[in-house]
Each structure stands twice: as C-alpha cells, then as structure tokens.
Amino acid sequence: QGYAPFHVPGSWSSRSDVGAPPDSPAFEDVVI
C-alpha cells in the first residue's frame, strides 16, 4: 500500500508484522 516506496533495502518498517526489507539484515541484528 502506501508504505511500498519505503519497503526497500536499508529501511526498516516500524510495524512489528513487517519483516526486514530485501537484501538487508534484520534490524535487531544490526549494531546501531
């Protein structure tokens, strides 16, 4: 839907039911 332009590599959704974007590690696996 309206989030589609932002569901890209390197961009993590705030929604807990949306997985990691393509070609990106899970957010919890990144030291940030």
Full PDB file with SEQRES, HELIX, SHEET, SSBOND, CRYST1, ORIGX, SCALE, CONECT and MASTER records, all heavy atoms in Angstrom:
SEQRES   1 A   32  GLN GLY TYR ALA PRO PHE HIS VAL PRO GLY SER TRP SER          
SEQRES   2 A   32  SER ARG SER ASP VAL GLY ALA PRO PRO ASP SER PRO ALA          
SEQRES   3 A   32  PHE GLU ASP VAL VAL ILE                                      
HELIX    1 AA1 ALA A    4  PHE A    6  5                                   3    
HELIX    2 AA2 PHE A   27  ASP A   29  5                                   3    
CRYST1    1.000    1.000    1.000  90.00  90.00  90.00 P 1           1          
ORIGX1      1.000000  0.000000  0.000000        0.00000                         
ORIGX2      0.000000  1.000000  0.000000        0.00000                         
ORIGX3      0.000000  0.000000  1.000000        0.00000                         
SCALE1      1.000000  0.000000  0.000000        0.00000                         
SCALE2      0.000000  1.000000  0.000000        0.00000                         
SCALE3      0.000000  0.000000  1.000000        0.00000                         
ATOM      1  N   GLN A   1       0.837  -1.196   0.000  1.00  0.00           N  
ATOM      2  CA  GLN A   1       0.000   0.000   0.000  1.00  0.00           C  
ATOM      3  C   GLN A   1       0.876   1.251   0.000  1.00  0.00           C  
ATOM      4  O   GLN A   1       1.867   1.323  -0.697  1.00  0.00           O  
ATOM      5  CB  GLN A   1      -0.977  -0.027   1.175  1.00  0.00           C  
ATOM      6  CG  GLN A   1      -1.994  -1.145   1.126  1.00  0.00           C  
ATOM      7  CD  GLN A   1      -2.941  -1.106   2.294  1.00  0.00           C  
ATOM      8  OE1 GLN A   1      -2.811  -0.320   3.232  1.00  0.00           O  
ATOM      9  NE2 GLN A   1      -3.931  -1.990   2.263  1.00  0.00           N  
ATOM     10  N   GLY A   2       0.527   2.230   0.825  1.00  0.00           N  
ATOM     11  CA  GLY A   2       1.286   3.481   0.805  1.00  0.00           C  
ATOM     12  C   GLY A   2       2.688   3.375   1.344  1.00  0.00           C  
ATOM     13  O   GLY A   2       3.499   4.289   1.168  1.00  0.00           O  
ATOM     14  N   TYR A   3       2.994   2.252   2.006  1.00  0.00           N  
ATOM     15  CA  TYR A   3       4.355   2.066   2.524  1.00  0.00           C  
ATOM     16  C   TYR A   3       5.306   1.491   1.473  1.00  0.00           C  
ATOM     17  O   TYR A   3       6.530   1.536   1.650  1.00  0.00           O  
ATOM     18  CB  TYR A   3       4.340   1.150   3.752  1.00  0.00           C  
ATOM     19  CG  TYR A   3       5.708   0.985   4.375  1.00  0.00           C  
ATOM     20  CD1 TYR A   3       6.301   2.023   5.089  1.00  0.00           C  
ATOM     21  CD2 TYR A   3       6.424  -0.202   4.207  1.00  0.00           C  
ATOM     22  CE1 TYR A   3       7.566   1.886   5.628  1.00  0.00           C  
ATOM     23  CE2 TYR A   3       7.695  -0.348   4.759  1.00  0.00           C  
ATOM     24  CZ  TYR A   3       8.259   0.695   5.462  1.00  0.00           C  
ATOM     25  OH  TYR A   3       9.518   0.561   5.983  1.00  0.00           O  
ATOM     26  N   ALA A   4       4.758   0.996   0.375  1.00  0.00           N  
ATOM     27  CA  ALA A   4       5.569   0.279  -0.620  1.00  0.00           C  
ATOM     28  C   ALA A   4       6.828   1.037  -1.066  1.00  0.00           C  
ATOM     29  O   ALA A   4       7.895   0.424  -1.205  1.00  0.00           O  
ATOM     30  CB  ALA A   4       4.709  -0.082  -1.834  1.00  0.00           C  
ATOM     31  N   PRO A   5       6.791   2.359  -1.301  1.00  0.00           N  
ATOM     32  CA  PRO A   5       8.012   3.059  -1.732  1.00  0.00           C  
ATOM     33  C   PRO A   5       9.130   3.031  -0.696  1.00  0.00           C  
ATOM     34  O   PRO A   5      10.292   3.277  -1.031  1.00  0.00           O  
ATOM     35  CB  PRO A   5       7.530   4.489  -1.968  1.00  0.00           C  
ATOM     36  CG  PRO A   5       6.062   4.399  -2.155  1.00  0.00           C  
ATOM     37  CD  PRO A   5       5.628   3.273  -1.275  1.00  0.00           C  
ATOM     38  N   PHE A   6       8.769   2.734   0.563  1.00  0.00           N  
ATOM     39  CA  PHE A   6       9.754   2.751   1.636  1.00  0.00           C  
ATOM     40  C   PHE A   6      10.209   1.351   2.052  1.00  0.00           C  
ATOM     41  O   PHE A   6      11.145   1.223   2.844  1.00  0.00           O  
ATOM     42  CB  PHE A   6       9.180   3.495   2.854  1.00  0.00           C  
ATOM     43  CG  PHE A   6       8.558   4.815   2.501  1.00  0.00           C  
ATOM     44  CD1 PHE A   6       7.189   5.006   2.598  1.00  0.00           C  
ATOM     45  CD2 PHE A   6       9.332   5.865   2.029  1.00  0.00           C  
ATOM     46  CE1 PHE A   6       6.602   6.211   2.257  1.00  0.00           C  
ATOM     47  CE2 PHE A   6       8.766   7.077   1.679  1.00  0.00           C  
ATOM     48  CZ  PHE A   6       7.396   7.256   1.790  1.00  0.00           C  
ATOM     49  N   HIS A   7       9.550   0.321   1.511  1.00  0.00           N  
ATOM     50  CA  HIS A   7       9.936  -1.061   1.834  1.00  0.00           C  
ATOM     51  C   HIS A   7      11.054  -1.481   0.893  1.00  0.00           C  
ATOM     52  O   HIS A   7      10.884  -2.276  -0.031  1.00  0.00           O  
ATOM     53  CB  HIS A   7       8.727  -1.990   1.694  1.00  0.00           C  
ATOM     54  CG  HIS A   7       8.954  -3.357   2.268  1.00  0.00           C  
ATOM     55  ND1 HIS A   7       9.391  -3.564   3.566  1.00  0.00           N  
ATOM     56  CD2 HIS A   7       8.827  -4.594   1.722  1.00  0.00           C  
ATOM     57  CE1 HIS A   7       9.500  -4.857   3.787  1.00  0.00           C  
ATOM     58  NE2 HIS A   7       9.181  -5.512   2.692  1.00  0.00           N  
ATOM     59  N   VAL A   8      12.208  -0.892   1.117  1.00  0.00           N  
ATOM     60  CA  VAL A   8      13.370  -1.063   0.248  1.00  0.00           C  
ATOM     61  C   VAL A   8      14.576  -1.427   1.115  1.00  0.00           C  
ATOM     62  O   VAL A   8      14.554  -1.249   2.346  1.00  0.00           O  
ATOM     63  CB  VAL A   8      13.657   0.225  -0.551  1.00  0.00           C  
ATOM     64  CG1 VAL A   8      12.485   0.576  -1.468  1.00  0.00           C  
ATOM     65  CG2 VAL A   8      13.958   1.399   0.390  1.00  0.00           C  
ATOM     66  N   PRO A   9      15.636  -1.949   0.510  1.00  0.00           N  
ATOM     67  CA  PRO A   9      16.840  -2.273   1.280  1.00  0.00           C  
ATOM     68  C   PRO A   9      17.306  -1.098   2.136  1.00  0.00           C  
ATOM     69  O   PRO A   9      17.348   0.044   1.680  1.00  0.00           O  
ATOM     70  CB  PRO A   9      17.865  -2.609   0.192  1.00  0.00           C  
ATOM     71  CG  PRO A   9      17.039  -3.130  -0.950  1.00  0.00           C  
ATOM     72  CD  PRO A   9      15.798  -2.298  -0.929  1.00  0.00           C  
ATOM     73  N   GLY A  10      17.638  -1.384   3.385  1.00  0.00           N  
ATOM     74  CA  GLY A  10      18.174  -0.352   4.270  1.00  0.00           C  
ATOM     75  C   GLY A  10      17.137   0.483   4.981  1.00  0.00           C  
ATOM     76  O   GLY A  10      17.481   1.461   5.642  1.00  0.00           O  
ATOM     77  N   SER A  11      15.866   0.105   4.890  1.00  0.00           N  
ATOM     78  CA  SER A  11      14.799   0.881   5.514  1.00  0.00           C  
ATOM     79  C   SER A  11      13.888  -0.082   6.266  1.00  0.00           C  
ATOM     80  O   SER A  11      13.273  -0.955   5.654  1.00  0.00           O  
ATOM     81  CB  SER A  11      13.997   1.640   4.444  1.00  0.00           C  
ATOM     82  OG  SER A  11      12.926   2.346   5.010  1.00  0.00           O  
ATOM     83  N   TRP A  12      13.775   0.087   7.589  1.00  0.00           N  
ATOM     84  CA  TRP A  12      13.044  -0.872   8.416  1.00  0.00           C  
ATOM     85  C   TRP A  12      11.711  -0.291   8.878  1.00  0.00           C  
ATOM     86  O   TRP A  12      11.662   0.762   9.509  1.00  0.00           O  
ATOM     87  CB  TRP A  12      13.878  -1.273   9.632  1.00  0.00           C  
ATOM     88  CG  TRP A  12      15.119  -2.042   9.275  1.00  0.00           C  
ATOM     89  CD1 TRP A  12      15.229  -3.394   9.078  1.00  0.00           C  
ATOM     90  CD2 TRP A  12      16.433  -1.509   9.069  1.00  0.00           C  
ATOM     91  NE1 TRP A  12      16.531  -3.733   8.767  1.00  0.00           N  
ATOM     92  CE2 TRP A  12      17.290  -2.597   8.753  1.00  0.00           C  
ATOM     93  CE3 TRP A  12      16.984  -0.225   9.120  1.00  0.00           C  
ATOM     94  CZ2 TRP A  12      18.649  -2.428   8.506  1.00  0.00           C  
ATOM     95  CZ3 TRP A  12      18.323  -0.051   8.865  1.00  0.00           C  
ATOM     96  CH2 TRP A  12      19.145  -1.154   8.562  1.00  0.00           C  
ATOM     97  N   SER A  13      10.634  -1.008   8.569  1.00  0.00           N  
ATOM     98  CA  SER A  13       9.299  -0.579   8.965  1.00  0.00           C  
ATOM     99  C   SER A  13       9.150  -0.583  10.480  1.00  0.00           C  
ATOM    100  O   SER A  13       9.736  -1.404  11.184  1.00  0.00           O  
ATOM    101  CB  SER A  13       8.246  -1.508   8.349  1.00  0.00           C  
ATOM    102  OG  SER A  13       6.959  -1.233   8.876  1.00  0.00           O  
ATOM    103  N   SER A  14       8.310   0.335  10.978  1.00  0.00           N  
ATOM    104  CA  SER A  14       8.024   0.376  12.409  1.00  0.00           C  
ATOM    105  C   SER A  14       7.055  -0.714  12.834  1.00  0.00           C  
ATOM    106  O   SER A  14       6.996  -1.068  14.006  1.00  0.00           O  
ATOM    107  CB  SER A  14       7.430   1.747  12.779  1.00  0.00           C  
ATOM    108  OG  SER A  14       8.389   2.751  12.618  1.00  0.00           O  
ATOM    109  N   ARG A  15       6.318  -1.248  11.874  1.00  0.00           N  
ATOM    110  CA  ARG A  15       5.330  -2.273  12.199  1.00  0.00           C  
ATOM    111  C   ARG A  15       6.004  -3.596  12.537  1.00  0.00           C  
ATOM    112  O   ARG A  15       6.863  -4.083  11.789  1.00  0.00           O  
ATOM    113  CB  ARG A  15       4.358  -2.463  11.027  1.00  0.00           C  
ATOM    114  CG  ARG A  15       3.487  -1.268  10.763  1.00  0.00           C  
ATOM    115  CD  ARG A  15       2.568  -1.487   9.580  1.00  0.00           C  
ATOM    116  NE  ARG A  15       1.770  -2.721   9.672  1.00  0.00           N  
ATOM    117  CZ  ARG A  15       0.542  -2.842   9.202  1.00  0.00           C  
ATOM    118  NH1 ARG A  15      -0.052  -1.811   8.615  1.00  0.00           N  
ATOM    119  NH2 ARG A  15      -0.108  -3.985   9.310  1.00  0.00           N  
ATOM    120  N   SER A  16       5.598  -4.209  13.633  1.00  0.00           N  
ATOM    121  CA  SER A  16       6.205  -5.461  14.061  1.00  0.00           C  
ATOM    122  C   SER A  16       5.838  -6.627  13.153  1.00  0.00           C  
ATOM    123  O   SER A  16       6.503  -7.668  13.188  1.00  0.00           O  
ATOM    124  CB  SER A  16       5.780  -5.781  15.501  1.00  0.00           C  
ATOM    125  OG  SER A  16       4.367  -5.909  15.594  1.00  0.00           O  
ATOM    126  N   ASP A  17       4.785  -6.469  12.365  1.00  0.00           N  
ATOM    127  CA  ASP A  17       4.361  -7.564  11.487  1.00  0.00           C  
ATOM    128  C   ASP A  17       4.942  -7.454  10.086  1.00  0.00           C  
ATOM    129  O   ASP A  17       4.609  -8.243   9.206  1.00  0.00           O  
ATOM    130  CB  ASP A  17       2.829  -7.630  11.408  1.00  0.00           C  
ATOM    131  CG  ASP A  17       2.190  -6.344  10.887  1.00  0.00           C  
ATOM    132  OD1 ASP A  17       2.864  -5.281  10.915  1.00  0.00           O  
ATOM    133  OD2 ASP A  17       1.020  -6.389  10.461  1.00  0.00           O  
ATOM    134  N   VAL A  18       5.840  -6.490   9.859  1.00  0.00           N  
ATOM    135  CA  VAL A  18       6.515  -6.340   8.568  1.00  0.00           C  
ATOM    136  C   VAL A  18       7.966  -6.791   8.725  1.00  0.00           C  
ATOM    137  O   VAL A  18       8.693  -6.270   9.573  1.00  0.00           O  
ATOM    138  CB  VAL A  18       6.463  -4.881   8.064  1.00  0.00           C  
ATOM    139  CG1 VAL A  18       7.235  -4.742   6.755  1.00  0.00           C  
ATOM    140  CG2 VAL A  18       5.015  -4.435   7.869  1.00  0.00           C  
ATOM    141  N   GLY A  19       8.387  -7.739   7.922  1.00  0.00           N  
ATOM    142  CA  GLY A  19       9.738  -8.273   8.032  1.00  0.00           C  
ATOM    143  C   GLY A  19      10.800  -7.323   7.511  1.00  0.00           C  
ATOM    144  O   GLY A  19      10.499  -6.223   7.026  1.00  0.00           O  
ATOM    145  N   ALA A  20      12.061  -7.744   7.606  1.00  0.00           N  
ATOM    146  CA  ALA A  20      13.180  -6.944   7.115  1.00  0.00           C  
ATOM    147  C   ALA A  20      13.030  -6.709   5.617  1.00  0.00           C  
ATOM    148  O   ALA A  20      12.510  -7.562   4.893  1.00  0.00           O  
ATOM    149  CB  ALA A  20      14.501  -7.639   7.411  1.00  0.00           C  
ATOM    150  N   PRO A  21      13.463  -5.565   5.128  1.00  0.00           N  
ATOM    151  CA  PRO A  21      13.377  -5.290   3.698  1.00  0.00           C  
ATOM    152  C   PRO A  21      14.321  -6.190   2.912  1.00  0.00           C  
ATOM    153  O   PRO A  21      15.214  -6.835   3.495  1.00  0.00           O  
ATOM    154  CB  PRO A  21      13.792  -3.819   3.604  1.00  0.00           C  
ATOM    155  CG  PRO A  21      14.643  -3.592   4.806  1.00  0.00           C  
ATOM    156  CD  PRO A  21      14.065  -4.459   5.874  1.00  0.00           C  
ATOM    157  N   PRO A  22      14.173  -6.249   1.597  1.00  0.00           N  
ATOM    158  CA  PRO A  22      15.033  -7.112   0.775  1.00  0.00           C  
ATOM    159  C   PRO A  22      16.518  -6.769   0.938  1.00  0.00           C  
ATOM    160  O   PRO A  22      16.885  -5.598   1.100  1.00  0.00           O  
ATOM    161  CB  PRO A  22      14.559  -6.810  -0.660  1.00  0.00           C  
ATOM    162  CG  PRO A  22      13.176  -6.263  -0.498  1.00  0.00           C  
ATOM    163  CD  PRO A  22      13.182  -5.516   0.800  1.00  0.00           C  
ATOM    164  N   ASP A  23      17.348  -7.791   0.905  1.00  0.00           N  
ATOM    165  CA  ASP A  23      18.812  -7.627   0.904  1.00  0.00           C  
ATOM    166  C   ASP A  23      19.322  -6.823   2.098  1.00  0.00           C  
ATOM    167  O   ASP A  23      20.323  -6.100   1.994  1.00  0.00           O  
ATOM    168  CB  ASP A  23      19.274  -6.966  -0.397  1.00  0.00           C  
ATOM    169  CG  ASP A  23      18.868  -7.761  -1.629  1.00  0.00           C  
ATOM    170  OD1 ASP A  23      19.000  -8.997  -1.606  1.00  0.00           O  
ATOM    171  OD2 ASP A  23      18.393  -7.147  -2.606  1.00  0.00           O  
ATOM    172  N   SER A  24      18.641  -6.937   3.219  1.00  0.00           N  
ATOM    173  CA  SER A  24      19.039  -6.216   4.425  1.00  0.00           C  
ATOM    174  C   SER A  24      18.980  -7.150   5.626  1.00  0.00           C  
ATOM    175  O   SER A  24      18.123  -8.028   5.686  1.00  0.00           O  
ATOM    176  CB  SER A  24      18.101  -5.023   4.672  1.00  0.00           C  
ATOM    177  OG  SER A  24      18.064  -4.154   3.572  1.00  0.00           O  
ATOM    178  N   PRO A  25      19.875  -6.947   6.580  1.00  0.00           N  
ATOM    179  CA  PRO A  25      19.790  -7.747   7.802  1.00  0.00           C  
ATOM    180  C   PRO A  25      18.569  -7.345   8.618  1.00  0.00           C  
ATOM    181  O   PRO A  25      18.022  -6.244   8.434  1.00  0.00           O  
ATOM    182  CB  PRO A  25      21.085  -7.389   8.541  1.00  0.00           C  
ATOM    183  CG  PRO A  25      21.429  -6.019   8.039  1.00  0.00           C  
ATOM    184  CD  PRO A  25      20.983  -5.984   6.616  1.00  0.00           C  
ATOM    185  N   ALA A  26      18.121  -8.207   9.501  1.00  0.00           N  
ATOM    186  CA  ALA A  26      17.058  -7.843  10.423  1.00  0.00           C  
ATOM    187  C   ALA A  26      17.542  -6.697  11.306  1.00  0.00           C  
ATOM    188  O   ALA A  26      18.734  -6.616  11.652  1.00  0.00           O  
ATOM    189  CB  ALA A  26      16.661  -9.042  11.278  1.00  0.00           C  
ATOM    190  N   PHE A  27      16.650  -5.816  11.671  1.00  0.00           N  
ATOM    191  CA  PHE A  27      17.039  -4.636  12.436  1.00  0.00           C  
ATOM    192  C   PHE A  27      17.741  -5.023  13.733  1.00  0.00           C  
ATOM    193  O   PHE A  27      18.719  -4.394  14.136  1.00  0.00           O  
ATOM    194  CB  PHE A  27      15.807  -3.774  12.730  1.00  0.00           C  
ATOM    195  CG  PHE A  27      16.129  -2.490  13.430  1.00  0.00           C  
ATOM    196  CD1 PHE A  27      16.702  -1.428  12.746  1.00  0.00           C  
ATOM    197  CD2 PHE A  27      15.877  -2.340  14.796  1.00  0.00           C  
ATOM    198  CE1 PHE A  27      17.007  -0.239  13.399  1.00  0.00           C  
ATOM    199  CE2 PHE A  27      16.181  -1.164  15.448  1.00  0.00           C  
ATOM    200  CZ  PHE A  27      16.744  -0.110  14.747  1.00  0.00           C  
ATOM    201  N   GLU A  28      17.251  -6.084  14.388  1.00  0.00           N  
ATOM    202  CA  GLU A  28      17.841  -6.493  15.669  1.00  0.00           C  
ATOM    203  C   GLU A  28      19.237  -7.085  15.503  1.00  0.00           C  
ATOM    204  O   GLU A  28      19.969  -7.249  16.492  1.00  0.00           O  
ATOM    205  CB  GLU A  28      16.936  -7.493  16.390  1.00  0.00           C  
ATOM    206  CG  GLU A  28      16.599  -8.725  15.593  1.00  0.00           C  
ATOM    207  CD  GLU A  28      15.327  -8.585  14.772  1.00  0.00           C  
ATOM    208  OE1 GLU A  28      14.916  -7.432  14.480  1.00  0.00           O  
ATOM    209  OE2 GLU A  28      14.728  -9.631  14.433  1.00  0.00           O  
ATOM    210  N   ASP A  29      19.637  -7.379  14.274  1.00  0.00           N  
ATOM    211  CA  ASP A  29      20.971  -7.930  14.031  1.00  0.00           C  
ATOM    212  C   ASP A  29      22.008  -6.849  13.716  1.00  0.00           C  
ATOM    213  O   ASP A  29      23.193  -7.158  13.526  1.00  0.00           O  
ATOM    214  CB  ASP A  29      20.927  -8.932  12.867  1.00  0.00           C  
ATOM    215  CG  ASP A  29      20.136 -10.190  13.214  1.00  0.00           C  
ATOM    216  OD1 ASP A  29      19.999 -10.483  14.414  1.00  0.00           O  
ATOM    217  OD2 ASP A  29      19.661 -10.867  12.282  1.00  0.00           O  
ATOM    218  N   VAL A  30      21.577  -5.616  13.647  1.00  0.00           N  
ATOM    219  CA  VAL A  30      22.480  -4.509  13.326  1.00  0.00           C  
ATOM    220  C   VAL A  30      22.868  -3.779  14.608  1.00  0.00           C  
ATOM    221  O   VAL A  30      22.007  -3.460  15.436  1.00  0.00           O  
ATOM    222  CB  VAL A  30      21.803  -3.514  12.349  1.00  0.00           C  
ATOM    223  CG1 VAL A  30      22.732  -2.341  12.063  1.00  0.00           C  
ATOM    224  CG2 VAL A  30      21.411  -4.213  11.056  1.00  0.00           C  
ATOM    225  N   VAL A  31      24.159  -3.521  14.778  1.00  0.00           N  
ATOM    226  CA  VAL A  31      24.615  -2.721  15.918  1.00  0.00           C  
ATOM    227  C   VAL A  31      24.444  -1.256  15.538  1.00  0.00           C  
ATOM    228  O   VAL A  31      25.146  -0.728  14.671  1.00  0.00           O  
ATOM    229  CB  VAL A  31      26.086  -3.007  16.264  1.00  0.00           C  
ATOM    230  CG1 VAL A  31      26.533  -2.136  17.437  1.00  0.00           C  
ATOM    231  CG2 VAL A  31      26.276  -4.482  16.606  1.00  0.00           C  
ATOM    232  N   ILE A  32      23.509  -0.610  16.182  1.00  0.00           N  
ATOM    233  CA  ILE A  32      23.180   0.759  15.804  1.00  0.00           C  
ATOM    234  C   ILE A  32      22.720   1.518  17.037  1.00  0.00           C  
ATOM    235  O   ILE A  32      22.047   0.972  17.912  1.00  0.00           O  
ATOM    236  CB  ILE A  32      22.093   0.757  14.692  1.00  0.00           C  
ATOM    237  CG1 ILE A  32      21.907   2.145  14.087  1.00  0.00           C  
ATOM    238  CG2 ILE A  32      20.784   0.185  15.192  1.00  0.00           C  
ATOM    239  CD1 ILE A  32      21.066   2.137  12.818  1.00  0.00           C  
TER     240      ILE A  32                                                      
MASTER        0    0    0    2    0    0    0    6  239    1    0    3          
END                                                                             
